[in-house]
Amino acid sequence: MLNPSPGGESPAMNSSPRLDPLELLRQQEATRLPWLVSERRRRMAESPFAFFRGAAIVMAADLARQTHSGLMVQLCGDAHLLNFGFFGSPERNLLFDINDFDETHPGPFDWDVIRLATSLVLAARSLGLSEKQQNKVCRRGIRAYGEAMAEFAAMPFVPMWVSRLDLECLIDKSESHTLQKHIQSVVKSALQRDSRHAVRKLCEPDGEGGLRFRHNPPLIWRHAELPQEWHGGVGWREWVEEIYVSYLKTIRPDLQHLLSRYRLTDTALKAVGVGSVGTRCAVGVFVGRHPDDVLVLQSKQAEPSVLAPYVPEAIGVPAHDGQRVVEGQRLMQTASDAFLGWTSTNESHHLYWRHFRDWKGSVDPAALDADGLADYGRLCSWTLAKAHARSGDRQAITAFITDPKDFARSLMASAFAHADQAERDHQKLLSAIASGRMEASDVTSLAAKR
């Protein structure tokens, strides 16, 4: 039985000591590609918000020490502002939704809400907003979640299930001129981010009628350039094609037919994001008969969710972490990437696959003012509530919240406390790097060392 926190009370910590945040990061780094660990630390060191993005494992441990609602949903697990964004639906509509599910796992709904609210506080601070403005941004975001959940609780199930924010709805819901203008800019850029754009940026002709990735270590490392031992003692193509055949078994027959019209010509490791840096993330380029007929797919290593140790009683979580990510994403999103699938390497690394850069774009909080950030927080909160309503008991969550204003007041103290903690932990990372206890190098020195 989970430990519920009565509505209206500030979350209380249990008596167990707080785990060392840097030690948690080191434990996570033990399974990462060693030549990218320093790059991950460099990215996390850039700002408190960057640290927060990469330290989902730290906040998961902190959340587990608090009392909570006990109302289970499928969690995003890493619901911060930059994990919401645009992507193309299978029907070729531009949608806005949660777009990162590496940490998805069942858990109490308020964990996601607190992480989103904390990211709003950190984003507000990065803009130099006053404490009063920080409070306003955070309060409106949490309140919007409660109001949206009540809206979904009152709807029939099917209309709720298909609710979504398309481009026109997104702009209509925004009152901030700054946010509207920024969204238009992001959308214009996103619509240009497709496989052909990725190929122009990342690839070159291979001399045999195909394409290959430009070898640019350590951030882009062609599998063909890695030692054969890295592929389990076989050639890179044999290794990749075995993984690819396994992936095909997890997607629909019509998409298997579609992919049969393409041939895989090259693959490469590619560092992405902040928290994911060092995991085995790769891209593959496929070509068809027409010169412009190209497709780029991405595989990402799926490790156990950072939430898994703290929700051991969760039911129905797949043993394969790639499958966990894919099924969690499909459950939470109104429409999902048709190419989502999963597989494993011979070395037992779990992977999931998806379309790479398919109209993907994100709002940059640094481009917003106070009103724009508040409006964007409300949009993300609506989206998070929709995702939770699909998987959890929306009526029970609404009854628990009771009044969205009171709910916002009850969670704000927690959000600000976590933001303060992220800033202190960021300073610990900076101190560890400055003293040499943790190495963080720039890309140039990393390449030289490798």
Protein backbone atom coordinates (compact mmCIF):
# COMPACT_ATOMS: atom_id res chain seq x y z
CA MET A 1 0.00 0.00 0.00
CA LEU A 2 1.39 3.42 -0.95
CA ASN A 3 1.62 6.21 1.61
CA PRO A 4 -1.01 8.84 0.80
CA SER A 5 -0.55 12.49 1.69
CA PRO A 6 -3.79 14.22 2.77
CA GLY A 7 -4.82 16.99 0.38
CA GLY A 8 -3.80 20.48 1.45
CA GLU A 9 -0.74 19.40 3.47
CA SER A 10 2.86 20.02 2.47
CA PRO A 11 4.58 16.73 1.59
CA ALA A 12 6.62 15.38 4.50
CA MET A 13 9.93 13.54 4.24
CA ASN A 14 10.40 10.14 5.85
CA SER A 15 13.22 9.58 8.30
CA SER A 16 15.63 7.85 5.92
CA PRO A 17 18.77 9.85 5.06
CA ARG A 18 18.97 11.58 1.68
CA LEU A 19 21.08 9.70 -0.86
CA ASP A 20 24.20 11.48 -2.13
CA PRO A 21 23.20 12.99 -5.52
CA LEU A 22 26.70 12.68 -7.01
CA GLU A 23 26.94 9.05 -5.93
CA LEU A 24 23.60 8.34 -7.63
CA LEU A 25 24.96 9.88 -10.83
CA ARG A 26 28.14 7.81 -10.57
CA GLN A 27 26.08 4.63 -10.17
CA GLN A 28 24.14 5.53 -13.30
CA GLU A 29 27.35 6.32 -15.20
CA ALA A 30 28.75 2.85 -14.47
CA THR A 31 26.69 1.45 -17.37
CA ARG A 32 27.35 4.37 -19.75
CA LEU A 33 29.82 4.52 -22.63
CA PRO A 34 32.98 5.64 -20.82
CA TRP A 35 34.10 8.15 -23.44
CA LEU A 36 30.83 10.10 -23.07
CA VAL A 37 30.60 10.30 -19.27
CA SER A 38 32.59 13.56 -19.19
CA GLU A 39 30.36 15.03 -21.89
CA ARG A 40 27.27 14.21 -19.85
CA ARG A 41 28.74 15.98 -16.83
CA ARG A 42 29.70 18.97 -18.93
CA ARG A 43 26.14 19.35 -20.16
CA MET A 44 24.70 18.95 -16.66
CA ALA A 45 27.12 21.56 -15.31
CA GLU A 46 25.85 24.29 -17.65
CA SER A 47 23.05 25.47 -15.33
CA PRO A 48 20.80 24.31 -12.47
CA PHE A 49 18.07 23.53 -15.03
CA ALA A 50 20.52 21.46 -17.11
CA PHE A 51 21.52 19.57 -13.96
CA PHE A 52 17.85 19.03 -13.13
CA ARG A 53 17.23 17.62 -16.63
CA GLY A 54 20.01 15.08 -16.27
CA ALA A 55 19.31 14.18 -12.66
CA ALA A 56 15.94 12.43 -12.83
CA ILE A 57 17.49 9.66 -10.75
CA VAL A 58 18.19 12.15 -7.95
CA MET A 59 14.68 13.59 -7.87
CA ALA A 60 13.15 10.11 -7.99
CA ALA A 61 15.01 9.25 -4.80
CA ASP A 62 13.88 12.50 -3.20
CA LEU A 63 10.24 12.03 -4.22
CA ALA A 64 10.28 8.53 -2.75
CA ARG A 65 11.04 10.07 0.65
CA GLN A 66 7.85 12.17 0.55
CA THR A 67 4.28 11.18 1.30
CA HIS A 68 2.10 11.13 -1.78
CA SER A 69 -1.42 10.57 -3.07
CA GLY A 70 -1.24 6.82 -3.66
CA LEU A 71 -3.30 7.30 -6.87
CA MET A 72 -1.47 5.35 -9.57
CA VAL A 73 -1.12 6.39 -13.21
CA GLN A 74 1.37 5.73 -15.97
CA LEU A 75 3.99 8.37 -15.20
CA CYS A 76 6.20 10.12 -17.70
CA GLY A 77 8.84 9.88 -14.98
CA ASP A 78 10.72 12.92 -16.28
CA ALA A 79 7.98 15.50 -16.82
CA HIS A 80 9.98 18.70 -17.17
CA LEU A 81 9.26 21.54 -19.62
CA LEU A 82 11.74 20.42 -22.27
CA ASN A 83 10.21 16.95 -22.48
CA PHE A 84 7.08 18.40 -24.07
CA GLY A 85 7.05 19.38 -27.71
CA PHE A 86 5.90 18.98 -31.29
CA PHE A 87 6.02 15.90 -33.51
CA GLY A 88 4.27 14.56 -36.59
CA SER A 89 1.38 12.15 -36.13
CA PRO A 90 1.03 9.10 -38.42
CA GLU A 91 -1.74 11.08 -40.19
CA ARG A 92 0.76 13.91 -40.80
CA ASN A 93 -0.69 16.40 -38.36
CA LEU A 94 1.60 18.45 -36.14
CA LEU A 95 0.79 17.61 -32.52
CA PHE A 96 1.95 18.81 -29.12
CA ASP A 97 2.45 16.24 -26.37
CA ILE A 98 4.94 14.70 -23.96
CA ASN A 99 7.82 13.48 -26.09
CA ASP A 100 10.24 11.65 -23.77
CA PHE A 101 9.35 8.42 -22.00
CA ASP A 102 12.68 6.87 -21.03
CA GLU A 103 11.64 6.87 -17.36
CA THR A 104 7.95 6.00 -17.81
CA HIS A 105 6.63 3.74 -15.08
CA PRO A 106 3.48 3.38 -12.94
CA GLY A 107 3.47 5.62 -9.89
CA PRO A 108 1.51 8.26 -7.95
CA PHE A 109 0.29 11.04 -10.25
CA ASP A 110 1.65 13.84 -8.07
CA TRP A 111 5.28 12.83 -8.73
CA ASP A 112 4.96 13.98 -12.34
CA VAL A 113 3.12 17.14 -11.31
CA ILE A 114 5.82 18.09 -8.81
CA ARG A 115 8.62 17.50 -11.34
CA LEU A 116 6.85 19.67 -13.93
CA ALA A 117 6.19 22.39 -11.34
CA THR A 118 9.84 22.29 -10.22
CA SER A 119 10.97 22.77 -13.81
CA LEU A 120 8.71 25.83 -14.03
CA VAL A 121 10.39 27.32 -10.94
CA LEU A 122 13.88 26.66 -12.34
CA ALA A 123 12.92 28.07 -15.74
CA ALA A 124 11.50 31.18 -14.06
CA ARG A 125 14.72 31.64 -12.10
CA SER A 126 16.82 31.22 -15.24
CA LEU A 127 14.86 34.14 -16.73
CA GLY A 128 15.64 36.26 -13.68
CA LEU A 129 11.99 36.49 -12.63
CA SER A 130 11.15 37.79 -9.18
CA GLU A 131 9.99 35.50 -6.41
CA LYS A 132 6.45 36.82 -6.88
CA GLN A 133 6.59 35.97 -10.58
CA GLN A 134 8.06 32.53 -9.82
CA ASN A 135 5.12 31.87 -7.50
CA LYS A 136 2.65 32.96 -10.16
CA VAL A 137 4.17 30.76 -12.86
CA CYS A 138 4.31 27.71 -10.59
CA ARG A 139 0.84 28.24 -9.10
CA ARG A 140 -0.82 28.64 -12.51
CA GLY A 141 0.86 25.51 -13.83
CA ILE A 142 -0.26 23.28 -10.97
CA ARG A 143 -3.75 24.81 -10.95
CA ALA A 144 -4.07 24.16 -14.71
CA TYR A 145 -3.38 20.47 -14.09
CA GLY A 146 -6.22 20.26 -11.55
CA GLU A 147 -8.63 22.14 -13.81
CA ALA A 148 -7.78 19.96 -16.80
CA MET A 149 -8.19 16.77 -14.79
CA ALA A 150 -11.65 17.91 -13.68
CA GLU A 151 -12.47 18.62 -17.34
CA PHE A 152 -11.37 15.10 -18.34
CA ALA A 153 -13.20 13.52 -15.40
CA ALA A 154 -16.47 15.03 -16.66
CA MET A 155 -16.01 13.73 -20.21
CA PRO A 156 -17.09 10.37 -21.67
CA PHE A 157 -14.11 8.05 -21.95
CA VAL A 158 -13.61 8.00 -25.74
CA PRO A 159 -13.71 11.79 -26.26
CA MET A 160 -11.25 12.12 -23.37
CA TRP A 161 -9.03 9.41 -24.86
CA VAL A 162 -8.64 11.23 -28.18
CA SER A 163 -8.23 14.76 -26.75
CA ARG A 164 -5.16 16.49 -28.11
CA LEU A 165 -3.53 19.84 -28.74
CA ASP A 166 -3.01 20.40 -32.43
CA LEU A 167 -1.33 23.56 -33.68
CA GLU A 168 -4.45 25.74 -33.95
CA CYS A 169 -5.70 24.65 -30.51
CA LEU A 170 -2.29 25.31 -29.01
CA ILE A 171 -2.18 28.88 -30.28
CA ASP A 172 -5.81 29.51 -29.30
CA LYS A 173 -5.11 28.39 -25.71
CA SER A 174 -2.16 30.78 -25.41
CA GLU A 175 -2.86 34.36 -24.36
CA SER A 176 0.79 35.47 -24.45
CA HIS A 177 1.91 37.21 -27.65
CA THR A 178 5.51 36.21 -26.85
CA LEU A 179 4.60 32.54 -26.62
CA GLN A 180 2.45 32.66 -29.76
CA LYS A 181 5.29 34.25 -31.74
CA HIS A 182 7.81 31.74 -30.41
CA ILE A 183 5.51 28.79 -31.19
CA GLN A 184 5.18 30.00 -34.78
CA SER A 185 8.96 30.08 -35.06
CA VAL A 186 9.35 26.62 -33.50
CA VAL A 187 6.68 25.20 -35.81
CA LYS A 188 8.34 26.63 -38.91
CA SER A 189 11.60 24.99 -37.89
CA ALA A 190 9.95 21.70 -36.84
CA LEU A 191 8.23 21.25 -40.21
CA GLN A 192 11.66 21.28 -41.84
CA ARG A 193 13.08 18.60 -39.51
CA ASP A 194 12.51 15.36 -41.36
CA SER A 195 14.68 12.50 -42.62
CA ARG A 196 15.91 14.48 -45.62
CA HIS A 197 16.97 17.32 -43.33
CA ALA A 198 18.77 14.82 -41.06
CA VAL A 199 20.56 13.29 -44.04
CA ARG A 200 21.75 16.68 -45.29
CA LYS A 201 23.14 17.48 -41.85
CA LEU A 202 24.59 14.12 -40.83
CA CYS A 203 25.36 12.06 -43.93
CA GLU A 204 27.53 11.86 -47.05
CA PRO A 205 27.50 9.53 -50.11
CA ASP A 206 29.14 6.17 -49.48
CA GLY A 207 30.30 5.72 -53.08
CA GLU A 208 28.03 2.72 -53.59
CA GLY A 209 24.71 4.45 -54.18
CA GLY A 210 23.94 4.74 -50.49
CA LEU A 211 24.64 7.07 -47.59
CA ARG A 212 26.88 6.96 -44.56
CA PHE A 213 27.13 9.09 -41.45
CA ARG A 214 29.96 11.57 -41.13
CA HIS A 215 32.28 10.13 -38.51
CA ASN A 216 32.59 12.84 -35.84
CA PRO A 217 33.70 11.29 -32.54
CA PRO A 218 32.85 11.29 -29.78
CA LEU A 219 29.34 12.61 -30.49
CA ILE A 220 28.80 10.68 -33.74
CA TRP A 221 30.69 7.42 -33.97
CA ARG A 222 30.09 5.12 -36.95
CA HIS A 223 29.67 1.50 -35.93
CA ALA A 224 31.95 0.58 -38.82
CA GLU A 225 34.77 2.49 -37.07
CA LEU A 226 34.40 0.67 -33.75
CA PRO A 227 36.52 -2.38 -32.87
CA GLN A 228 34.84 -5.67 -33.79
CA GLU A 229 34.83 -6.70 -30.12
CA TRP A 230 32.33 -3.91 -29.55
CA HIS A 231 29.88 -5.80 -31.80
CA GLY A 232 30.22 -9.08 -29.95
CA GLY A 233 33.05 -10.30 -32.19
CA VAL A 234 31.15 -10.05 -35.49
CA GLY A 235 31.09 -7.42 -38.23
CA TRP A 236 29.00 -4.32 -37.57
CA ARG A 237 26.53 -5.06 -40.37
CA GLU A 238 25.80 -8.60 -39.22
CA TRP A 239 25.40 -7.29 -35.66
CA VAL A 240 23.05 -4.44 -36.66
CA GLU A 241 20.94 -6.50 -39.06
CA GLU A 242 20.23 -9.11 -36.39
CA ILE A 243 19.00 -6.33 -34.10
CA TYR A 244 16.96 -4.81 -36.95
CA VAL A 245 15.22 -8.09 -37.79
CA SER A 246 14.25 -8.45 -34.13
CA TYR A 247 12.87 -4.89 -34.11
CA LEU A 248 10.71 -5.58 -37.18
CA LYS A 249 8.83 -8.26 -35.26
CA THR A 250 7.48 -5.61 -32.85
CA ILE A 251 5.88 -3.28 -35.42
CA ARG A 252 2.74 -3.62 -37.52
CA PRO A 253 2.82 -5.78 -40.71
CA ASP A 254 2.04 -2.78 -42.93
CA LEU A 255 5.10 -0.95 -41.57
CA GLN A 256 7.20 -4.06 -42.06
CA HIS A 257 6.07 -3.93 -45.70
CA LEU A 258 6.94 -0.22 -45.90
CA LEU A 259 10.44 -0.80 -44.53
CA SER A 260 11.00 -3.66 -46.96
CA ARG A 261 11.19 -0.98 -49.67
CA TYR A 262 14.31 0.47 -48.02
CA ARG A 263 17.81 -0.83 -47.47
CA LEU A 264 19.94 0.00 -44.45
CA THR A 265 23.25 1.57 -45.54
CA ASP A 266 24.88 2.80 -42.32
CA THR A 267 24.51 3.18 -38.56
CA ALA A 268 26.28 5.25 -35.92
CA LEU A 269 26.24 5.99 -32.23
CA LYS A 270 24.92 9.50 -31.59
CA ALA A 271 24.94 11.31 -28.24
CA VAL A 272 21.59 12.98 -27.49
CA GLY A 273 20.01 15.09 -24.77
CA VAL A 274 21.48 15.53 -21.31
CA GLY A 275 20.46 12.62 -19.09
CA SER A 276 20.72 10.17 -22.01
CA VAL A 277 24.32 11.04 -22.87
CA GLY A 278 26.44 7.91 -22.58
CA THR A 279 23.64 5.45 -23.22
CA ARG A 280 23.81 3.41 -26.41
CA CYS A 281 21.82 5.72 -28.67
CA ALA A 282 22.22 5.17 -32.40
CA VAL A 283 20.86 6.26 -35.77
CA GLY A 284 20.42 4.28 -38.96
CA VAL A 285 19.99 5.64 -42.48
CA PHE A 286 17.80 3.78 -44.99
CA VAL A 287 17.51 4.53 -48.71
CA GLY A 288 14.89 3.67 -51.32
CA ARG A 289 14.99 3.73 -55.09
CA HIS A 290 14.20 7.44 -55.50
CA PRO A 291 17.10 9.82 -54.72
CA ASP A 292 14.97 11.66 -52.14
CA ASP A 293 13.54 8.48 -50.64
CA VAL A 294 15.45 8.37 -47.35
CA LEU A 295 14.49 7.41 -43.83
CA VAL A 296 16.40 7.85 -40.58
CA LEU A 297 15.45 5.78 -37.53
CA GLN A 298 16.86 6.11 -34.05
CA SER A 299 17.44 3.42 -31.46
CA LYS A 300 17.90 4.34 -27.80
CA GLN A 301 19.10 2.20 -24.97
CA ALA A 302 16.35 1.64 -22.43
CA GLU A 303 17.60 1.17 -18.90
CA PRO A 304 15.35 0.44 -15.90
CA SER A 305 13.25 3.46 -14.97
CA VAL A 306 14.68 5.58 -12.16
CA LEU A 307 11.27 5.15 -10.50
CA ALA A 308 11.32 1.35 -10.53
CA PRO A 309 13.06 0.87 -7.13
CA TYR A 310 10.45 3.06 -5.44
CA VAL A 311 7.30 1.45 -6.85
CA PRO A 312 8.11 -2.26 -6.50
CA GLU A 313 4.42 -3.19 -6.22
CA ALA A 314 3.58 -1.85 -9.71
CA ILE A 315 1.70 -4.43 -11.79
CA GLY A 316 2.10 -5.17 -15.48
CA VAL A 317 5.49 -3.53 -16.08
CA PRO A 318 7.19 -5.34 -18.99
CA ALA A 319 10.46 -7.09 -18.19
CA HIS A 320 11.97 -5.61 -21.37
CA ASP A 321 12.70 -1.92 -20.78
CA GLY A 322 12.36 -1.05 -24.46
CA GLN A 323 8.87 -2.53 -24.41
CA ARG A 324 8.17 -0.59 -21.19
CA VAL A 325 9.06 2.69 -22.93
CA VAL A 326 7.04 1.92 -26.06
CA GLU A 327 3.92 0.74 -24.25
CA GLY A 328 4.10 3.61 -21.77
CA GLN A 329 4.38 6.12 -24.61
CA ARG A 330 1.44 4.63 -26.49
CA LEU A 331 -0.67 4.71 -23.33
CA MET A 332 0.11 8.34 -22.52
CA GLN A 333 0.13 9.96 -25.98
CA THR A 334 -3.01 10.59 -28.01
CA ALA A 335 -1.11 9.63 -31.16
CA SER A 336 2.30 7.98 -31.28
CA ASP A 337 5.13 7.42 -33.72
CA ALA A 338 4.18 4.51 -35.96
CA PHE A 339 7.78 3.27 -36.01
CA LEU A 340 7.93 2.63 -32.25
CA GLY A 341 9.30 -0.82 -31.49
CA TRP A 342 11.83 -2.58 -29.31
CA THR A 343 14.62 -5.13 -29.44
CA SER A 344 17.79 -6.27 -27.65
CA THR A 345 21.43 -6.61 -28.57
CA ASN A 346 23.35 -9.87 -28.19
CA GLU A 347 24.95 -8.21 -25.18
CA SER A 348 21.47 -7.99 -23.56
CA HIS A 349 21.15 -4.21 -23.88
CA HIS A 350 17.49 -3.26 -24.22
CA LEU A 351 16.66 -0.81 -27.04
CA TYR A 352 13.62 0.95 -28.40
CA TRP A 353 13.32 2.37 -31.93
CA ARG A 354 11.53 5.41 -33.30
CA HIS A 355 11.44 7.85 -36.20
CA PHE A 356 14.30 10.36 -35.94
CA ARG A 357 13.52 14.10 -36.04
CA ASP A 358 10.07 13.65 -37.56
CA TRP A 359 8.78 17.25 -37.30
CA LYS A 360 10.17 17.40 -33.78
CA GLY A 361 10.49 20.77 -32.08
CA SER A 362 10.50 22.18 -28.54
CA VAL A 363 9.62 25.49 -26.97
CA ASP A 364 12.70 27.18 -25.48
CA PRO A 365 11.79 28.65 -22.07
CA ALA A 366 14.70 31.10 -22.43
CA ALA A 367 12.83 32.76 -25.30
CA LEU A 368 9.77 33.55 -23.16
CA ASP A 369 8.82 36.29 -20.73
CA ALA A 370 6.93 35.80 -17.46
CA ASP A 371 3.49 35.65 -19.09
CA GLY A 372 4.75 33.38 -21.86
CA LEU A 373 6.29 30.95 -19.38
CA ALA A 374 3.10 30.91 -17.30
CA ASP A 375 1.02 30.18 -20.40
CA TYR A 376 3.41 27.48 -21.54
CA GLY A 377 3.29 25.87 -18.11
CA ARG A 378 -0.49 25.75 -18.35
CA LEU A 379 -0.28 24.03 -21.76
CA CYS A 380 2.17 21.44 -20.47
CA SER A 381 0.00 20.85 -17.40
CA TRP A 382 -3.09 20.29 -19.57
CA THR A 383 -1.09 17.81 -21.62
CA LEU A 384 0.19 15.97 -18.55
CA ALA A 385 -3.33 15.75 -17.10
CA LYS A 386 -4.58 14.29 -20.37
CA ALA A 387 -1.84 11.64 -20.29
CA HIS A 388 -2.65 10.72 -16.68
CA ALA A 389 -6.40 10.65 -17.38
CA ARG A 390 -5.82 8.01 -20.06
CA SER A 391 -4.10 5.59 -17.70
CA GLY A 392 -5.42 6.40 -14.23
CA ASP A 393 -8.70 6.95 -12.41
CA ARG A 394 -9.46 10.53 -13.44
CA GLN A 395 -12.49 10.80 -11.18
CA ALA A 396 -10.50 9.66 -8.14
CA ILE A 397 -7.68 12.10 -8.94
CA THR A 398 -10.20 14.93 -9.31
CA ALA A 399 -11.79 14.01 -5.98
CA PHE A 400 -8.35 13.97 -4.34
CA ILE A 401 -7.48 17.40 -5.78
CA THR A 402 -10.88 18.78 -4.66
CA ASP A 403 -10.07 22.42 -5.44
CA PRO A 404 -7.36 23.24 -8.04
CA LYS A 405 -6.42 26.45 -6.20
CA ASP A 406 -5.88 24.61 -2.92
CA PHE A 407 -4.05 21.82 -4.76
CA ALA A 408 -1.67 24.39 -6.25
CA ARG A 409 -0.98 25.89 -2.85
CA SER A 410 -0.35 22.44 -1.34
CA LEU A 411 2.28 21.45 -3.95
CA MET A 412 4.07 24.77 -4.41
CA ALA A 413 6.20 24.34 -1.28
CA SER A 414 7.39 20.98 -2.60
CA ALA A 415 8.19 22.38 -6.04
CA PHE A 416 10.22 25.25 -4.59
CA ALA A 417 12.02 22.90 -2.18
CA HIS A 418 13.03 20.62 -5.06
CA ALA A 419 14.17 23.63 -7.10
CA ASP A 420 16.32 24.82 -4.20
CA GLN A 421 17.74 21.31 -3.85
CA ALA A 422 18.56 21.12 -7.58
CA GLU A 423 20.50 24.38 -7.28
CA ARG A 424 22.47 23.05 -4.30
CA ASP A 425 23.17 19.77 -6.08
CA HIS A 426 24.31 21.67 -9.16
CA GLN A 427 26.79 23.53 -6.98
CA LYS A 428 28.04 20.21 -5.60
CA LEU A 429 28.66 19.03 -9.17
CA LEU A 430 30.54 22.23 -10.01
CA SER A 431 32.67 21.84 -6.87
CA ALA A 432 33.41 18.20 -7.68
CA ILE A 433 34.49 19.15 -11.20
CA ALA A 434 36.61 22.07 -9.97
CA SER A 435 38.38 19.86 -7.42
CA GLY A 436 39.01 17.09 -9.94
CA ARG A 437 36.82 14.57 -8.12
CA MET A 438 34.61 14.36 -11.22
CA GLU A 439 35.94 14.95 -14.70
CA ALA A 440 34.02 17.07 -17.22
CA SER A 441 35.76 17.80 -20.49
CA ASP A 442 34.82 19.69 -23.59
CA VAL A 443 34.22 17.88 -26.87
CA THR A 444 37.66 18.75 -28.25
CA SER A 445 39.58 17.23 -25.34
CA LEU A 446 37.32 14.19 -25.34
CA ALA A 447 38.09 13.52 -28.99
CA ALA A 448 41.80 13.95 -28.37
CA LYS A 449 41.75 11.48 -25.47
CA ARG A 450 39.82 8.89 -27.43
